[in-house]
Amino acid sequence: MKSDVRDSYNAVCDKWTEFRSRCSVDSCIRRLAENLPERCRVLDVGCGSGCPISAFLSKCGFEVVGIDISENMIAKARSLDLPNARFLLCDYMKFQSDTPFDAIIAFDSLWHIPYKFQKDIYSKASSLLTDEGYFLFTHGKSDGEINGVMWEHDFYYSALNCSDVVELLNKNSFKIVSIVENYSDPTSGQRDLFIIAQKVVSNIIR
């Protein structure tokens, strides 16, 4: 069932980069950026070629760390030479940081994580965030695994039910700020699930 997402993204990298370089940043990311402190640290999960999300975050003056499993995508992102930005070849589930982040953005990336690790996504995010840090992500909303096709290459996707995602967020010290099923934005189109969650301050967790 599982296709090699890394190989597929490496194969479509040039087309992906050309397409994403013409895209605007989704309005939800712009709104989040307005609520973040100056010079904060942001993790871009599945940063791809660095456009448009990492480039926008860098322009905002944030310290950006972008991670991706595709060597070709990371090479494209590094070639942008963005101020205050670093791009690392790394799997999200294996990523570690000595310094926590003020926000994590995972736009169209979590659904590529193998199904057996889907329950671990939220504890991982919580461990990487500061208290009151934000976790913005898109995802599927139905339990299971599928293969899709983009530019004639297979891509693996998996997700949990929306109710399970909400439960896992709650269990991992998050409060949900916004949740939208069948999310739609003029700049990025439609997504099954969109969520912004905020990590609860440790000393008030019940």
C-alpha atoms as a PDB file:
ATOM      1  CA  MET A   1       0.000   0.000   0.000  1.00  0.00           C
ATOM      2  CA  LYS A   2       2.675   2.502   1.013  1.00  0.00           C
ATOM      3  CA  SER A   3       4.481   4.296  -1.814  1.00  0.00           C
ATOM      4  CA  ASP A   4       7.846   5.993  -1.208  1.00  0.00           C
ATOM      5  CA  VAL A   5       6.861   9.606  -0.655  1.00  0.00           C
ATOM      6  CA  ARG A   6      10.470  10.762  -0.646  1.00  0.00           C
ATOM      7  CA  ASP A   7      11.166   9.292  -4.083  1.00  0.00           C
ATOM      8  CA  SER A   8       7.932  10.712  -5.441  1.00  0.00           C
ATOM      9  CA  TYR A   9       8.676  14.239  -4.230  1.00  0.00           C
ATOM     10  CA  ASN A  10      12.220  14.007  -5.537  1.00  0.00           C
ATOM     11  CA  ALA A  11      10.792  13.046  -8.933  1.00  0.00           C
ATOM     12  CA  VAL A  12       8.291  15.929  -9.105  1.00  0.00           C
ATOM     13  CA  CYS A  13      10.535  18.523  -7.480  1.00  0.00           C
ATOM     14  CA  ASP A  14      10.983  20.766 -10.520  1.00  0.00           C
ATOM     15  CA  LYS A  15       7.270  20.836 -11.334  1.00  0.00           C
ATOM     16  CA  TRP A  16       6.406  21.323  -7.663  1.00  0.00           C
ATOM     17  CA  THR A  17       8.847  24.224  -7.318  1.00  0.00           C
ATOM     18  CA  GLU A  18       7.504  25.936 -10.429  1.00  0.00           C
ATOM     19  CA  PHE A  19       3.915  25.523  -9.229  1.00  0.00           C
ATOM     20  CA  ARG A  20       4.506  26.618  -5.623  1.00  0.00           C
ATOM     21  CA  SER A  21       6.570  29.639  -6.647  1.00  0.00           C
ATOM     22  CA  ARG A  22       3.397  31.024  -8.234  1.00  0.00           C
ATOM     23  CA  CYS A  23       1.238  30.371  -5.153  1.00  0.00           C
ATOM     24  CA  SER A  24       0.241  32.892  -2.514  1.00  0.00           C
ATOM     25  CA  VAL A  25       0.391  32.133   1.182  1.00  0.00           C
ATOM     26  CA  ASP A  26      -2.893  30.873   2.575  1.00  0.00           C
ATOM     27  CA  SER A  27      -4.758  33.529   4.567  1.00  0.00           C
ATOM     28  CA  CYS A  28      -4.792  31.292   7.673  1.00  0.00           C
ATOM     29  CA  ILE A  29      -0.985  31.426   7.806  1.00  0.00           C
ATOM     30  CA  ARG A  30      -1.012  35.190   7.398  1.00  0.00           C
ATOM     31  CA  ARG A  31      -3.460  35.504  10.305  1.00  0.00           C
ATOM     32  CA  LEU A  32      -1.348  33.230  12.477  1.00  0.00           C
ATOM     33  CA  ALA A  33       1.755  35.269  11.717  1.00  0.00           C
ATOM     34  CA  GLU A  34      -0.014  38.406  12.934  1.00  0.00           C
ATOM     35  CA  ASN A  35      -0.432  36.764  16.363  1.00  0.00           C
ATOM     36  CA  LEU A  36       3.157  35.628  16.740  1.00  0.00           C
ATOM     37  CA  PRO A  37       5.805  37.620  18.635  1.00  0.00           C
ATOM     38  CA  GLU A  38       8.597  39.356  16.747  1.00  0.00           C
ATOM     39  CA  ARG A  39      11.614  37.228  15.849  1.00  0.00           C
ATOM     40  CA  CYS A  40       9.933  34.057  17.094  1.00  0.00           C
ATOM     41  CA  ARG A  41      10.931  30.544  16.024  1.00  0.00           C
ATOM     42  CA  VAL A  42       8.721  28.695  13.533  1.00  0.00           C
ATOM     43  CA  LEU A  43       9.029  25.101  12.312  1.00  0.00           C
ATOM     44  CA  ASP A  44       7.772  24.472   8.765  1.00  0.00           C
ATOM     45  CA  VAL A  45       7.042  20.731   8.515  1.00  0.00           C
ATOM     46  CA  GLY A  46       7.215  19.469   4.955  1.00  0.00           C
ATOM     47  CA  CYS A  47       8.691  22.763   3.795  1.00  0.00           C
ATOM     48  CA  GLY A  48       9.206  21.502   0.249  1.00  0.00           C
ATOM     49  CA  SER A  49      11.055  23.978  -1.955  1.00  0.00           C
ATOM     50  CA  GLY A  50      10.593  26.790   0.577  1.00  0.00           C
ATOM     51  CA  CYS A  51       7.888  28.664  -1.314  1.00  0.00           C
ATOM     52  CA  PRO A  52       5.630  30.201  -0.410  1.00  0.00           C
ATOM     53  CA  ILE A  53       5.394  29.418   3.335  1.00  0.00           C
ATOM     54  CA  SER A  54       9.010  29.495   4.532  1.00  0.00           C
ATOM     55  CA  ALA A  55       9.735  32.485   2.305  1.00  0.00           C
ATOM     56  CA  PHE A  56       6.788  34.353   3.826  1.00  0.00           C
ATOM     57  CA  LEU A  57       7.817  33.482   7.390  1.00  0.00           C
ATOM     58  CA  SER A  58      11.363  34.655   6.689  1.00  0.00           C
ATOM     59  CA  LYS A  59      10.036  37.929   5.300  1.00  0.00           C
ATOM     60  CA  CYS A  60       8.092  38.375   8.552  1.00  0.00           C
ATOM     61  CA  GLY A  61      11.411  38.358  10.391  1.00  0.00           C
ATOM     62  CA  PHE A  62      10.876  35.002  12.089  1.00  0.00           C
ATOM     63  CA  GLU A  63      13.586  32.426  12.654  1.00  0.00           C
ATOM     64  CA  VAL A  64      12.522  29.603  10.352  1.00  0.00           C
ATOM     65  CA  VAL A  65      13.497  25.950  10.406  1.00  0.00           C
ATOM     66  CA  GLY A  66      12.149  23.961   7.469  1.00  0.00           C
ATOM     67  CA  ILE A  67      12.281  20.175   7.403  1.00  0.00           C
ATOM     68  CA  ASP A  68      11.512  17.795   4.568  1.00  0.00           C
ATOM     69  CA  ILE A  69      12.321  14.198   3.605  1.00  0.00           C
ATOM     70  CA  SER A  70      13.086  15.065  -0.032  1.00  0.00           C
ATOM     71  CA  GLU A  71      16.724  15.828  -0.829  1.00  0.00           C
ATOM     72  CA  ASN A  72      15.762  17.669  -3.993  1.00  0.00           C
ATOM     73  CA  MET A  73      13.218  19.841  -2.208  1.00  0.00           C
ATOM     74  CA  ILE A  74      15.689  20.788   0.511  1.00  0.00           C
ATOM     75  CA  ALA A  75      18.268  21.713  -2.120  1.00  0.00           C
ATOM     76  CA  LYS A  76      15.718  24.022  -3.783  1.00  0.00           C
ATOM     77  CA  ALA A  77      14.807  25.594  -0.443  1.00  0.00           C
ATOM     78  CA  ARG A  78      18.438  26.214   0.471  1.00  0.00           C
ATOM     79  CA  SER A  79      19.058  27.828  -2.909  1.00  0.00           C
ATOM     80  CA  LEU A  80      16.623  30.607  -1.955  1.00  0.00           C
ATOM     81  CA  ASP A  81      19.164  31.814   0.617  1.00  0.00           C
ATOM     82  CA  LEU A  82      16.392  33.141   2.858  1.00  0.00           C
ATOM     83  CA  PRO A  83      17.384  35.334   5.810  1.00  0.00           C
ATOM     84  CA  ASN A  84      17.003  33.684   9.234  1.00  0.00           C
ATOM     85  CA  ALA A  85      16.084  30.331   7.675  1.00  0.00           C
ATOM     86  CA  ARG A  86      17.637  26.863   7.848  1.00  0.00           C
ATOM     87  CA  PHE A  87      16.492  23.833   5.875  1.00  0.00           C
ATOM     88  CA  LEU A  88      17.162  20.328   7.150  1.00  0.00           C
ATOM     89  CA  LEU A  89      16.749  16.946   5.513  1.00  0.00           C
ATOM     90  CA  CYS A  90      14.760  15.218   8.219  1.00  0.00           C
ATOM     91  CA  ASP A  91      11.663  13.163   8.962  1.00  0.00           C
ATOM     92  CA  TYR A  92       9.238  14.961  11.285  1.00  0.00           C
ATOM     93  CA  MET A  93       8.919  11.972  13.590  1.00  0.00           C
ATOM     94  CA  LYS A  94      12.724  11.872  14.038  1.00  0.00           C
ATOM     95  CA  PHE A  95      13.288  15.619  14.297  1.00  0.00           C
ATOM     96  CA  GLN A  96      14.665  16.995  17.564  1.00  0.00           C
ATOM     97  CA  SER A  97      15.454  20.509  18.751  1.00  0.00           C
ATOM     98  CA  ASP A  98      17.171  21.787  21.876  1.00  0.00           C
ATOM     99  CA  THR A  99      15.246  25.041  21.575  1.00  0.00           C
ATOM    100  CA  PRO A 100      11.423  24.939  21.416  1.00  0.00           C
ATOM    101  CA  PHE A 101       9.377  26.659  18.737  1.00  0.00           C
ATOM    102  CA  ASP A 102       6.710  29.320  19.086  1.00  0.00           C
ATOM    103  CA  ALA A 103       4.750  27.811  16.204  1.00  0.00           C
ATOM    104  CA  ILE A 104       4.638  24.723  14.026  1.00  0.00           C
ATOM    105  CA  ILE A 105       3.080  24.867  10.578  1.00  0.00           C
ATOM    106  CA  ALA A 106       2.351  21.586   8.826  1.00  0.00           C
ATOM    107  CA  PHE A 107       0.449  22.485   5.673  1.00  0.00           C
ATOM    108  CA  ASP A 108      -0.281  19.406   3.549  1.00  0.00           C
ATOM    109  CA  SER A 109       2.428  17.265   5.156  1.00  0.00           C
ATOM    110  CA  LEU A 110       1.065  15.239   8.077  1.00  0.00           C
ATOM    111  CA  TRP A 111      -1.041  13.072   5.783  1.00  0.00           C
ATOM    112  CA  HIS A 112       2.134  11.562   4.318  1.00  0.00           C
ATOM    113  CA  ILE A 113       3.232  10.191   7.695  1.00  0.00           C
ATOM    114  CA  PRO A 114       2.734   6.401   7.905  1.00  0.00           C
ATOM    115  CA  TYR A 115      -0.527   5.353   9.510  1.00  0.00           C
ATOM    116  CA  LYS A 116       1.236   3.538  12.366  1.00  0.00           C
ATOM    117  CA  PHE A 117       2.716   6.872  13.491  1.00  0.00           C
ATOM    118  CA  GLN A 118      -0.392   9.029  13.128  1.00  0.00           C
ATOM    119  CA  LYS A 119      -1.204   8.861  16.856  1.00  0.00           C
ATOM    120  CA  ASP A 120       2.303  10.071  17.691  1.00  0.00           C
ATOM    121  CA  ILE A 121       2.102  13.280  15.662  1.00  0.00           C
ATOM    122  CA  TYR A 122       0.520  15.310  18.438  1.00  0.00           C
ATOM    123  CA  SER A 123       2.788  14.327  21.310  1.00  0.00           C
ATOM    124  CA  LYS A 124       5.711  15.142  19.003  1.00  0.00           C
ATOM    125  CA  ALA A 125       4.298  18.589  18.264  1.00  0.00           C
ATOM    126  CA  SER A 126       3.691  19.272  21.940  1.00  0.00           C
ATOM    127  CA  SER A 127       7.290  18.331  22.781  1.00  0.00           C
ATOM    128  CA  LEU A 128       8.627  20.791  20.199  1.00  0.00           C
ATOM    129  CA  LEU A 129       6.531  23.804  21.235  1.00  0.00           C
ATOM    130  CA  THR A 130       6.834  26.455  23.898  1.00  0.00           C
ATOM    131  CA  ASP A 131       3.925  26.935  26.284  1.00  0.00           C
ATOM    132  CA  GLU A 132       1.222  28.842  24.378  1.00  0.00           C
ATOM    133  CA  GLY A 133       2.882  27.874  21.096  1.00  0.00           C
ATOM    134  CA  TYR A 134       0.655  27.307  18.066  1.00  0.00           C
ATOM    135  CA  PHE A 135       0.228  24.211  15.921  1.00  0.00           C
ATOM    136  CA  LEU A 136      -1.402  24.921  12.535  1.00  0.00           C
ATOM    137  CA  PHE A 137      -2.017  21.989  10.228  1.00  0.00           C
ATOM    138  CA  THR A 138      -4.147  20.523   7.487  1.00  0.00           C
ATOM    139  CA  HIS A 139      -5.019  16.849   7.340  1.00  0.00           C
ATOM    140  CA  GLY A 140      -7.473  14.223   6.240  1.00  0.00           C
ATOM    141  CA  LYS A 141     -10.522  13.571   8.403  1.00  0.00           C
ATOM    142  CA  SER A 142     -11.237   9.859   7.801  1.00  0.00           C
ATOM    143  CA  ASP A 143      -9.401   6.889   9.276  1.00  0.00           C
ATOM    144  CA  GLY A 144      -7.321   4.875   6.835  1.00  0.00           C
ATOM    145  CA  GLU A 145      -4.643   4.804   4.146  1.00  0.00           C
ATOM    146  CA  ILE A 146      -4.811   5.538   0.432  1.00  0.00           C
ATOM    147  CA  ASN A 147      -2.503   6.077  -2.528  1.00  0.00           C
ATOM    148  CA  GLY A 148      -3.034   9.051  -4.799  1.00  0.00           C
ATOM    149  CA  VAL A 149      -1.362  10.282  -7.980  1.00  0.00           C
ATOM    150  CA  MET A 150       0.233  13.660  -8.676  1.00  0.00           C
ATOM    151  CA  TRP A 151       2.048  14.369 -11.928  1.00  0.00           C
ATOM    152  CA  GLU A 152       1.989  10.640 -12.730  1.00  0.00           C
ATOM    153  CA  HIS A 153       3.709   9.643  -9.480  1.00  0.00           C
ATOM    154  CA  ASP A 154       2.168   7.730  -6.595  1.00  0.00           C
ATOM    155  CA  PHE A 155       1.805   9.411  -3.207  1.00  0.00           C
ATOM    156  CA  TYR A 156       0.851   7.728   0.041  1.00  0.00           C
ATOM    157  CA  TYR A 157      -1.649   9.332   2.436  1.00  0.00           C
ATOM    158  CA  SER A 158      -3.020   8.332   5.828  1.00  0.00           C
ATOM    159  CA  ALA A 159      -5.171   9.902   8.515  1.00  0.00           C
ATOM    160  CA  LEU A 160      -7.266   9.297  11.605  1.00  0.00           C
ATOM    161  CA  ASN A 161     -10.874  10.235  12.160  1.00  0.00           C
ATOM    162  CA  CYS A 162     -11.361  13.889  13.044  1.00  0.00           C
ATOM    163  CA  SER A 163     -12.731  12.949  16.476  1.00  0.00           C
ATOM    164  CA  ASP A 164      -9.573  10.956  17.218  1.00  0.00           C
ATOM    165  CA  VAL A 165      -7.383  13.898  16.226  1.00  0.00           C
ATOM    166  CA  VAL A 166      -9.296  16.169  18.595  1.00  0.00           C
ATOM    167  CA  GLU A 167      -8.941  13.650  21.417  1.00  0.00           C
ATOM    168  CA  LEU A 168      -5.200  13.303  20.816  1.00  0.00           C
ATOM    169  CA  LEU A 169      -4.725  17.061  20.823  1.00  0.00           C
ATOM    170  CA  ASN A 170      -6.537  17.311  24.144  1.00  0.00           C
ATOM    171  CA  LYS A 171      -4.441  14.505  25.627  1.00  0.00           C
ATOM    172  CA  ASN A 172      -1.233  16.259  24.577  1.00  0.00           C
ATOM    173  CA  SER A 173      -1.818  19.617  26.262  1.00  0.00           C
ATOM    174  CA  PHE A 174      -3.502  21.428  23.377  1.00  0.00           C
ATOM    175  CA  LYS A 175      -6.619  23.542  23.270  1.00  0.00           C
ATOM    176  CA  ILE A 176      -8.264  23.936  19.881  1.00  0.00           C
ATOM    177  CA  VAL A 177      -8.400  27.518  18.653  1.00  0.00           C
ATOM    178  CA  SER A 178     -10.002  26.776  15.286  1.00  0.00           C
ATOM    179  CA  ILE A 179     -11.235  23.635  13.570  1.00  0.00           C
ATOM    180  CA  VAL A 180     -12.839  23.521  10.132  1.00  0.00           C
ATOM    181  CA  GLU A 181     -13.917  20.437   8.228  1.00  0.00           C
ATOM    182  CA  ASN A 182     -14.044  20.850   4.443  1.00  0.00           C
ATOM    183  CA  TYR A 183     -11.848  23.930   4.736  1.00  0.00           C
ATOM    184  CA  SER A 184     -11.612  26.143   1.665  1.00  0.00           C
ATOM    185  CA  ASP A 185      -9.455  29.157   0.839  1.00  0.00           C
ATOM    186  CA  PRO A 186      -9.165  31.013  -2.488  1.00  0.00           C
ATOM    187  CA  THR A 187      -5.376  30.805  -2.389  1.00  0.00           C
ATOM    188  CA  SER A 188      -4.950  27.108  -1.639  1.00  0.00           C
ATOM    189  CA  GLY A 189      -8.228  25.374  -2.432  1.00  0.00           C
ATOM    190  CA  GLN A 190      -9.962  22.760  -0.306  1.00  0.00           C
ATOM    191  CA  ARG A 191      -8.750  20.556   2.542  1.00  0.00           C
ATOM    192  CA  ASP A 192     -10.642  17.896   4.493  1.00  0.00           C
ATOM    193  CA  LEU A 193      -9.512  19.265   7.840  1.00  0.00           C
ATOM    194  CA  PHE A 194      -7.891  22.460   9.098  1.00  0.00           C
ATOM    195  CA  ILE A 195      -6.899  22.987  12.729  1.00  0.00           C
ATOM    196  CA  ILE A 196      -5.106  25.598  14.799  1.00  0.00           C
ATOM    197  CA  ALA A 197      -4.303  24.381  18.312  1.00  0.00           C
ATOM    198  CA  GLN A 198      -2.424  26.114  21.112  1.00  0.00           C
ATOM    199  CA  LYS A 199      -0.319  24.400  23.740  1.00  0.00           C
ATOM    200  CA  VAL A 200      -1.675  24.947  27.229  1.00  0.00           C
ATOM    201  CA  VAL A 201       0.620  26.565  29.792  1.00  0.00           C
ATOM    202  CA  SER A 202       2.121  23.768  31.849  1.00  0.00           C
ATOM    203  CA  ASN A 203       1.294  25.103  35.299  1.00  0.00           C
ATOM    204  CA  ILE A 204      -2.423  25.350  34.595  1.00  0.00           C
ATOM    205  CA  ILE A 205      -2.916  21.901  33.090  1.00  0.00           C
ATOM    206  CA  ARG A 206      -5.567  20.055  35.082  1.00  0.00           C
END
